[in-house]
Amino acid sequence: MHQLARVNAKGGLDLLKSPGHTRKLRLKKTCEAFYLIYHCVGESSPRARIFNADYGLFRALLRMFALLTGFALADAVWAAWRQRARLAPFAVRMVLFALATLIAYPRCRKRSEDFAQSVFDLFPAAGSGHSVSQKTS
């Protein structure tokens, strides 16, 4: 018997539901809250948008290096199957792209954390109606 998750008046979750459904509902509510906070903060300071752009750049780099690694792997497999003597350049290219992917992943993860932290740091100032400045000490 599938029990549906119920949200009480305070926005909390009841305990009588499946763990998977509870997790999905909690994730949905968290994403909605972050979206509202991000738009509230975005109106008061460009800093969150700068961190978002940084995060987007690193996501694009990670995706690009992962795709290049996949293409280089396909080339290396093709070279190993058809031209055994010319395998080395394909293998070197694949290793270099794989290393670039491994370097880009932690940086992408760090930028995502920086983006979220910047939004949450700016939220109290944006909620109080004060202007958020770009000063750093």
N, C-alpha and C. Protein backbone atom coordinates (compact mmCIF):
# COMPACT_ATOMS: atom_id res chain seq x y z
N MET A 1 0.84 -1.19 0.00
CA MET A 1 0.00 0.00 0.00
C MET A 1 0.87 1.24 0.00
N HIS A 2 0.65 2.05 -0.99
CA HIS A 2 1.44 3.27 -1.14
C HIS A 2 0.79 4.40 -0.35
N GLN A 3 1.55 4.95 0.60
CA GLN A 3 1.02 6.06 1.39
C GLN A 3 1.56 7.36 0.82
N LEU A 4 0.69 8.30 0.59
CA LEU A 4 1.09 9.58 0.03
C LEU A 4 1.65 10.47 1.13
N ALA A 5 2.63 11.26 0.76
CA ALA A 5 3.20 12.21 1.71
C ALA A 5 2.22 13.36 1.90
N ARG A 6 2.07 13.77 3.12
CA ARG A 6 1.19 14.88 3.43
C ARG A 6 2.02 16.01 4.03
N VAL A 7 1.74 17.22 3.64
CA VAL A 7 2.43 18.38 4.16
C VAL A 7 1.48 19.06 5.13
N ASN A 8 1.95 19.27 6.38
CA ASN A 8 1.08 19.91 7.35
C ASN A 8 1.12 21.43 7.17
N ALA A 9 0.35 22.15 7.98
CA ALA A 9 0.19 23.59 7.81
C ALA A 9 1.52 24.34 8.01
N LYS A 10 2.43 23.81 8.79
CA LYS A 10 3.71 24.48 9.04
C LYS A 10 4.73 24.20 7.94
N GLY A 11 4.41 23.37 7.00
CA GLY A 11 5.35 23.06 5.93
C GLY A 11 6.20 21.85 6.23
N GLY A 12 5.96 21.21 7.38
CA GLY A 12 6.74 20.04 7.76
C GLY A 12 6.20 18.80 7.07
N LEU A 13 6.88 17.69 7.26
CA LEU A 13 6.50 16.44 6.63
C LEU A 13 6.00 15.47 7.69
N ASP A 14 4.96 14.74 7.38
CA ASP A 14 4.48 13.70 8.28
C ASP A 14 5.45 12.53 8.26
N LEU A 15 5.41 11.73 9.30
CA LEU A 15 6.32 10.60 9.39
C LEU A 15 5.77 9.33 8.75
N LEU A 16 4.50 9.33 8.32
CA LEU A 16 3.87 8.12 7.79
C LEU A 16 3.94 8.07 6.27
N LYS A 17 5.13 7.98 5.73
CA LYS A 17 5.27 7.90 4.27
C LYS A 17 6.56 7.17 3.92
N SER A 18 6.67 6.79 2.68
CA SER A 18 7.86 6.06 2.25
C SER A 18 9.07 6.99 2.26
N PRO A 19 10.27 6.46 2.58
CA PRO A 19 11.46 7.31 2.63
C PRO A 19 11.80 7.96 1.29
N GLY A 20 11.60 7.26 0.19
CA GLY A 20 11.89 7.82 -1.12
C GLY A 20 11.00 9.00 -1.45
N HIS A 21 9.72 8.87 -1.14
CA HIS A 21 8.78 9.94 -1.41
C HIS A 21 9.06 11.14 -0.51
N THR A 22 9.43 10.88 0.74
CA THR A 22 9.77 11.96 1.67
C THR A 22 10.97 12.73 1.16
N ARG A 23 11.96 12.01 0.68
CA ARG A 23 13.17 12.66 0.17
C ARG A 23 12.85 13.52 -1.05
N LYS A 24 12.03 13.01 -1.95
CA LYS A 24 11.66 13.77 -3.15
C LYS A 24 10.91 15.04 -2.77
N LEU A 25 9.97 14.91 -1.83
CA LEU A 25 9.20 16.07 -1.41
C LEU A 25 10.09 17.10 -0.71
N ARG A 26 11.00 16.62 0.14
CA ARG A 26 11.92 17.53 0.84
C ARG A 26 12.82 18.24 -0.17
N LEU A 27 13.32 17.51 -1.17
CA LEU A 27 14.15 18.11 -2.20
C LEU A 27 13.39 19.17 -2.98
N LYS A 28 12.14 18.87 -3.31
CA LYS A 28 11.31 19.83 -4.05
C LYS A 28 11.10 21.10 -3.24
N LYS A 29 10.78 20.95 -1.96
CA LYS A 29 10.55 22.12 -1.11
C LYS A 29 11.83 22.92 -0.92
N THR A 30 12.96 22.24 -0.80
CA THR A 30 14.24 22.91 -0.65
C THR A 30 14.59 23.68 -1.91
N CYS A 31 14.36 23.08 -3.08
CA CYS A 31 14.63 23.77 -4.35
C CYS A 31 13.75 24.99 -4.51
N GLU A 32 12.49 24.88 -4.12
CA GLU A 32 11.59 26.03 -4.21
C GLU A 32 12.05 27.15 -3.30
N ALA A 33 12.47 26.80 -2.08
CA ALA A 33 12.94 27.81 -1.13
C ALA A 33 14.21 28.49 -1.65
N PHE A 34 15.14 27.69 -2.20
CA PHE A 34 16.38 28.27 -2.73
C PHE A 34 16.07 29.19 -3.91
N TYR A 35 15.15 28.78 -4.77
CA TYR A 35 14.78 29.60 -5.92
C TYR A 35 14.23 30.95 -5.45
N LEU A 36 13.37 30.95 -4.45
CA LEU A 36 12.82 32.20 -3.93
C LEU A 36 13.90 33.07 -3.30
N ILE A 37 14.80 32.42 -2.54
CA ILE A 37 15.89 33.17 -1.91
C ILE A 37 16.81 33.76 -2.98
N TYR A 38 17.13 32.97 -4.00
CA TYR A 38 18.02 33.44 -5.06
C TYR A 38 17.44 34.66 -5.76
N HIS A 39 16.16 34.65 -6.05
CA HIS A 39 15.55 35.79 -6.73
C HIS A 39 15.44 37.00 -5.81
N CYS A 40 15.25 36.78 -4.55
CA CYS A 40 15.22 37.89 -3.59
C CYS A 40 16.61 38.53 -3.50
N VAL A 41 17.64 37.71 -3.44
CA VAL A 41 19.02 38.21 -3.33
C VAL A 41 19.48 38.81 -4.65
N GLY A 42 19.06 38.24 -5.77
CA GLY A 42 19.50 38.72 -7.08
C GLY A 42 19.10 40.14 -7.36
N GLU A 43 18.02 40.60 -6.74
CA GLU A 43 17.58 41.97 -6.94
C GLU A 43 18.43 42.96 -6.16
N SER A 44 19.08 42.51 -5.09
CA SER A 44 19.81 43.43 -4.23
C SER A 44 21.31 43.44 -4.47
N SER A 45 21.86 42.40 -5.09
CA SER A 45 23.30 42.34 -5.28
C SER A 45 23.65 41.51 -6.51
N PRO A 46 24.63 41.97 -7.28
CA PRO A 46 25.05 41.18 -8.44
C PRO A 46 26.00 40.03 -8.07
N ARG A 47 26.41 39.97 -6.81
CA ARG A 47 27.39 38.96 -6.39
C ARG A 47 26.90 37.54 -6.61
N ALA A 48 25.64 37.27 -6.34
CA ALA A 48 25.10 35.92 -6.55
C ALA A 48 25.10 35.56 -8.02
N ARG A 49 24.81 36.52 -8.88
CA ARG A 49 24.84 36.26 -10.33
C ARG A 49 26.26 36.00 -10.81
N ILE A 50 27.24 36.67 -10.20
CA ILE A 50 28.64 36.44 -10.57
C ILE A 50 29.05 35.03 -10.20
N PHE A 51 28.68 34.58 -9.00
CA PHE A 51 28.99 33.21 -8.59
C PHE A 51 28.25 32.20 -9.46
N ASN A 52 27.04 32.53 -9.86
CA ASN A 52 26.28 31.63 -10.73
C ASN A 52 26.97 31.52 -12.09
N ALA A 53 27.47 32.63 -12.62
CA ALA A 53 28.19 32.60 -13.89
C ALA A 53 29.47 31.77 -13.78
N ASP A 54 30.17 31.92 -12.65
CA ASP A 54 31.38 31.12 -12.40
C ASP A 54 31.05 29.63 -12.37
N TYR A 55 29.99 29.30 -11.67
CA TYR A 55 29.56 27.90 -11.58
C TYR A 55 29.16 27.37 -12.95
N GLY A 56 28.46 28.18 -13.74
CA GLY A 56 28.08 27.77 -15.09
C GLY A 56 29.28 27.53 -15.98
N LEU A 57 30.30 28.37 -15.84
CA LEU A 57 31.53 28.19 -16.62
C LEU A 57 32.20 26.86 -16.28
N PHE A 58 32.31 26.55 -15.00
CA PHE A 58 32.96 25.30 -14.61
C PHE A 58 32.11 24.08 -14.99
N ARG A 59 30.79 24.21 -14.96
CA ARG A 59 29.95 23.10 -15.44
C ARG A 59 30.18 22.86 -16.92
N ALA A 60 30.29 23.94 -17.69
CA ALA A 60 30.54 23.80 -19.13
C ALA A 60 31.91 23.18 -19.38
N LEU A 61 32.92 23.59 -18.64
CA LEU A 61 34.25 23.01 -18.79
C LEU A 61 34.23 21.52 -18.45
N LEU A 62 33.56 21.17 -17.37
CA LEU A 62 33.48 19.76 -16.98
C LEU A 62 32.79 18.95 -18.07
N ARG A 63 31.69 19.45 -18.58
CA ARG A 63 30.96 18.75 -19.65
C ARG A 63 31.81 18.62 -20.91
N MET A 64 32.50 19.68 -21.26
CA MET A 64 33.32 19.65 -22.46
C MET A 64 34.45 18.63 -22.33
N PHE A 65 35.16 18.64 -21.20
CA PHE A 65 36.25 17.69 -21.00
C PHE A 65 35.74 16.25 -20.92
N ALA A 66 34.57 16.05 -20.34
CA ALA A 66 34.00 14.69 -20.28
C ALA A 66 33.65 14.21 -21.69
N LEU A 67 33.06 15.09 -22.50
CA LEU A 67 32.75 14.70 -23.89
C LEU A 67 34.02 14.42 -24.69
N LEU A 68 35.02 15.26 -24.52
CA LEU A 68 36.28 15.04 -25.23
C LEU A 68 36.94 13.73 -24.79
N THR A 69 36.82 13.40 -23.50
CA THR A 69 37.35 12.12 -23.02
C THR A 69 36.62 10.97 -23.68
N GLY A 70 35.31 11.08 -23.79
CA GLY A 70 34.53 10.03 -24.44
C GLY A 70 34.90 9.86 -25.91
N PHE A 71 35.04 10.98 -26.62
CA PHE A 71 35.44 10.91 -28.03
C PHE A 71 36.85 10.34 -28.18
N ALA A 72 37.75 10.75 -27.28
CA ALA A 72 39.12 10.23 -27.35
C ALA A 72 39.16 8.73 -27.03
N LEU A 73 38.30 8.30 -26.11
CA LEU A 73 38.21 6.87 -25.82
C LEU A 73 37.72 6.11 -27.04
N ALA A 74 36.71 6.65 -27.71
CA ALA A 74 36.20 6.00 -28.93
C ALA A 74 37.29 5.96 -30.01
N ASP A 75 38.03 7.05 -30.15
CA ASP A 75 39.14 7.07 -31.11
C ASP A 75 40.21 6.04 -30.75
N ALA A 76 40.52 5.92 -29.45
CA ALA A 76 41.54 4.97 -29.01
C ALA A 76 41.09 3.53 -29.27
N VAL A 77 39.81 3.25 -29.02
CA VAL A 77 39.29 1.91 -29.30
C VAL A 77 39.33 1.63 -30.80
N TRP A 78 38.94 2.61 -31.59
CA TRP A 78 38.99 2.44 -33.04
C TRP A 78 40.43 2.23 -33.52
N ALA A 79 41.36 3.02 -32.97
CA ALA A 79 42.77 2.90 -33.36
C ALA A 79 43.34 1.55 -32.94
N ALA A 80 42.95 1.06 -31.78
CA ALA A 80 43.44 -0.24 -31.32
C ALA A 80 42.89 -1.36 -32.20
N TRP A 81 41.70 -1.19 -32.69
CA TRP A 81 41.08 -2.22 -33.51
C TRP A 81 41.60 -2.20 -34.94
N ARG A 82 41.80 -0.99 -35.49
CA ARG A 82 42.18 -0.87 -36.90
C ARG A 82 43.68 -0.66 -37.13
N GLN A 83 44.29 0.18 -36.34
CA GLN A 83 45.69 0.56 -36.58
C GLN A 83 46.48 0.45 -35.28
N ARG A 84 46.95 -0.70 -34.96
CA ARG A 84 47.63 -0.92 -33.68
C ARG A 84 48.90 -0.07 -33.53
N ALA A 85 49.55 0.24 -34.59
CA ALA A 85 50.80 1.00 -34.52
C ALA A 85 50.56 2.45 -34.12
N ARG A 86 49.40 3.00 -34.38
CA ARG A 86 49.13 4.42 -34.11
C ARG A 86 48.26 4.62 -32.87
N LEU A 87 48.28 3.71 -31.93
CA LEU A 87 47.45 3.79 -30.73
C LEU A 87 47.95 4.85 -29.75
N ALA A 88 49.25 5.06 -29.67
CA ALA A 88 49.84 5.96 -28.66
C ALA A 88 49.28 7.38 -28.70
N PRO A 89 49.20 8.06 -29.85
CA PRO A 89 48.66 9.43 -29.81
C PRO A 89 47.21 9.50 -29.32
N PHE A 90 46.41 8.50 -29.68
CA PHE A 90 45.02 8.49 -29.22
C PHE A 90 44.93 8.25 -27.72
N ALA A 91 45.78 7.35 -27.23
CA ALA A 91 45.78 7.05 -25.79
C ALA A 91 46.27 8.25 -24.98
N VAL A 92 47.28 8.94 -25.48
CA VAL A 92 47.78 10.12 -24.77
C VAL A 92 46.71 11.20 -24.71
N ARG A 93 46.03 11.42 -25.82
CA ARG A 93 44.95 12.41 -25.85
C ARG A 93 43.84 12.04 -24.87
N MET A 94 43.48 10.75 -24.82
CA MET A 94 42.44 10.31 -23.90
C MET A 94 42.85 10.53 -22.45
N VAL A 95 44.10 10.21 -22.11
CA VAL A 95 44.58 10.40 -20.74
C VAL A 95 44.59 11.88 -20.36
N LEU A 96 45.01 12.74 -21.27
CA LEU A 96 45.03 14.18 -20.98
C LEU A 96 43.61 14.73 -20.75
N PHE A 97 42.68 14.32 -21.58
CA PHE A 97 41.30 14.79 -21.39
C PHE A 97 40.70 14.22 -20.10
N ALA A 98 41.05 12.97 -19.77
CA ALA A 98 40.56 12.38 -18.52
C ALA A 98 41.13 13.12 -17.32
N LEU A 99 42.40 13.50 -17.37
CA LEU A 99 42.99 14.29 -16.28
C LEU A 99 42.32 15.65 -16.16
N ALA A 100 42.05 16.29 -17.28
CA ALA A 100 41.36 17.58 -17.26
C ALA A 100 39.97 17.44 -16.64
N THR A 101 39.29 16.34 -16.94
CA THR A 101 37.97 16.09 -16.36
C THR A 101 38.09 15.90 -14.85
N LEU A 102 39.08 15.14 -14.42
CA LEU A 102 39.28 14.91 -12.99
C LEU A 102 39.65 16.20 -12.25
N ILE A 103 40.32 17.10 -12.92
CA ILE A 103 40.65 18.39 -12.30
C ILE A 103 39.42 19.30 -12.27
N ALA A 104 38.62 19.26 -13.31
CA ALA A 104 37.46 20.15 -13.41
C ALA A 104 36.34 19.76 -12.44
N TYR A 105 36.21 18.47 -12.13
CA TYR A 105 35.09 18.05 -11.28
C TYR A 105 35.13 18.66 -9.88
N PRO A 106 36.25 18.56 -9.14
CA PRO A 106 36.24 19.18 -7.80
C PRO A 106 36.09 20.69 -7.85
N ARG A 107 36.61 21.31 -8.88
CA ARG A 107 36.45 22.76 -9.00
C ARG A 107 34.99 23.14 -9.27
N CYS A 108 34.32 22.34 -10.08
CA CYS A 108 32.90 22.57 -10.34
C CYS A 108 32.09 22.40 -9.06
N ARG A 109 32.41 21.37 -8.31
CA ARG A 109 31.72 21.13 -7.05
C ARG A 109 31.96 22.27 -6.06
N LYS A 110 33.19 22.76 -5.99
CA LYS A 110 33.52 23.88 -5.10
C LYS A 110 32.77 25.14 -5.52
N ARG A 111 32.69 25.40 -6.81
CA ARG A 111 31.96 26.58 -7.29
C ARG A 111 30.47 26.49 -6.98
N SER A 112 29.91 25.28 -7.03
CA SER A 112 28.50 25.14 -6.69
C SER A 112 28.28 25.45 -5.21
N GLU A 113 29.20 25.01 -4.36
CA GLU A 113 29.10 25.32 -2.94
C GLU A 113 29.29 26.81 -2.69
N ASP A 114 30.24 27.43 -3.41
CA ASP A 114 30.44 28.88 -3.28
C ASP A 114 29.21 29.66 -3.71
N PHE A 115 28.57 29.21 -4.79
CA PHE A 115 27.36 29.87 -5.27
C PHE A 115 26.26 29.80 -4.22
N ALA A 116 26.01 28.60 -3.71
CA ALA A 116 24.95 28.45 -2.69
C ALA A 116 25.29 29.26 -1.44
N GLN A 117 26.54 29.23 -1.02
CA GLN A 117 26.93 29.97 0.17
C GLN A 117 26.78 31.47 -0.03
N SER A 118 27.10 31.97 -1.22
CA SER A 118 26.95 33.40 -1.47
C SER A 118 25.49 33.82 -1.41
N VAL A 119 24.62 32.98 -1.93
CA VAL A 119 23.18 33.29 -1.89
C VAL A 119 22.70 33.32 -0.45
N PHE A 120 23.09 32.31 0.34
CA PHE A 120 22.63 32.27 1.72
C PHE A 120 23.28 33.35 2.57
N ASP A 121 24.51 33.77 2.25
CA ASP A 121 25.14 34.88 2.98
C ASP A 121 24.45 36.20 2.72
N LEU A 122 23.99 36.40 1.48
CA LEU A 122 23.35 37.66 1.12
C LEU A 122 21.88 37.73 1.54
N PHE A 123 21.29 36.59 1.86
CA PHE A 123 19.86 36.56 2.15
C PHE A 123 19.46 37.41 3.36
N PRO A 124 20.16 37.34 4.50
CA PRO A 124 19.71 38.18 5.64
C PRO A 124 19.74 39.67 5.32
N ALA A 125 20.76 40.11 4.58
CA ALA A 125 20.84 41.54 4.24
C ALA A 125 19.74 41.92 3.26
N ALA A 126 19.45 41.05 2.31
CA ALA A 126 18.40 41.36 1.34
C ALA A 126 17.03 41.34 2.00
N GLY A 127 16.83 40.46 2.95
CA GLY A 127 15.54 40.38 3.64
C GLY A 127 15.28 41.55 4.56
N SER A 128 16.36 42.17 5.07
CA SER A 128 16.17 43.29 5.98
C SER A 128 15.96 44.60 5.25
N GLY A 129 16.15 44.59 3.92
CA GLY A 129 15.92 45.80 3.15
C GLY A 129 17.15 46.67 3.01
N HIS A 130 18.28 46.25 3.59
CA HIS A 130 19.51 47.01 3.46
C HIS A 130 20.16 46.73 2.12
N SER A 131 20.87 47.71 1.63
CA SER A 131 21.59 47.55 0.36
C SER A 131 22.84 46.71 0.62
N VAL A 132 23.08 45.73 -0.23
CA VAL A 132 24.24 44.88 -0.09
C VAL A 132 25.33 45.42 -0.98
N SER A 133 26.47 45.73 -0.39
CA SER A 133 27.56 46.31 -1.19
C SER A 133 28.57 45.24 -1.56
N GLN A 134 29.49 45.60 -2.41
CA GLN A 134 30.51 44.70 -2.91
C GLN A 134 31.80 44.82 -2.11
N LYS A 135 31.80 45.44 -0.94
CA LYS A 135 33.02 45.65 -0.17
C LYS A 135 33.53 44.34 0.38
N THR A 136 34.85 44.19 0.32
CA THR A 136 35.50 43.05 0.94
C THR A 136 36.62 43.57 1.82
N SER A 137 36.83 42.92 2.92
CA SER A 137 37.88 43.41 3.81
C SER A 137 39.06 42.50 3.83
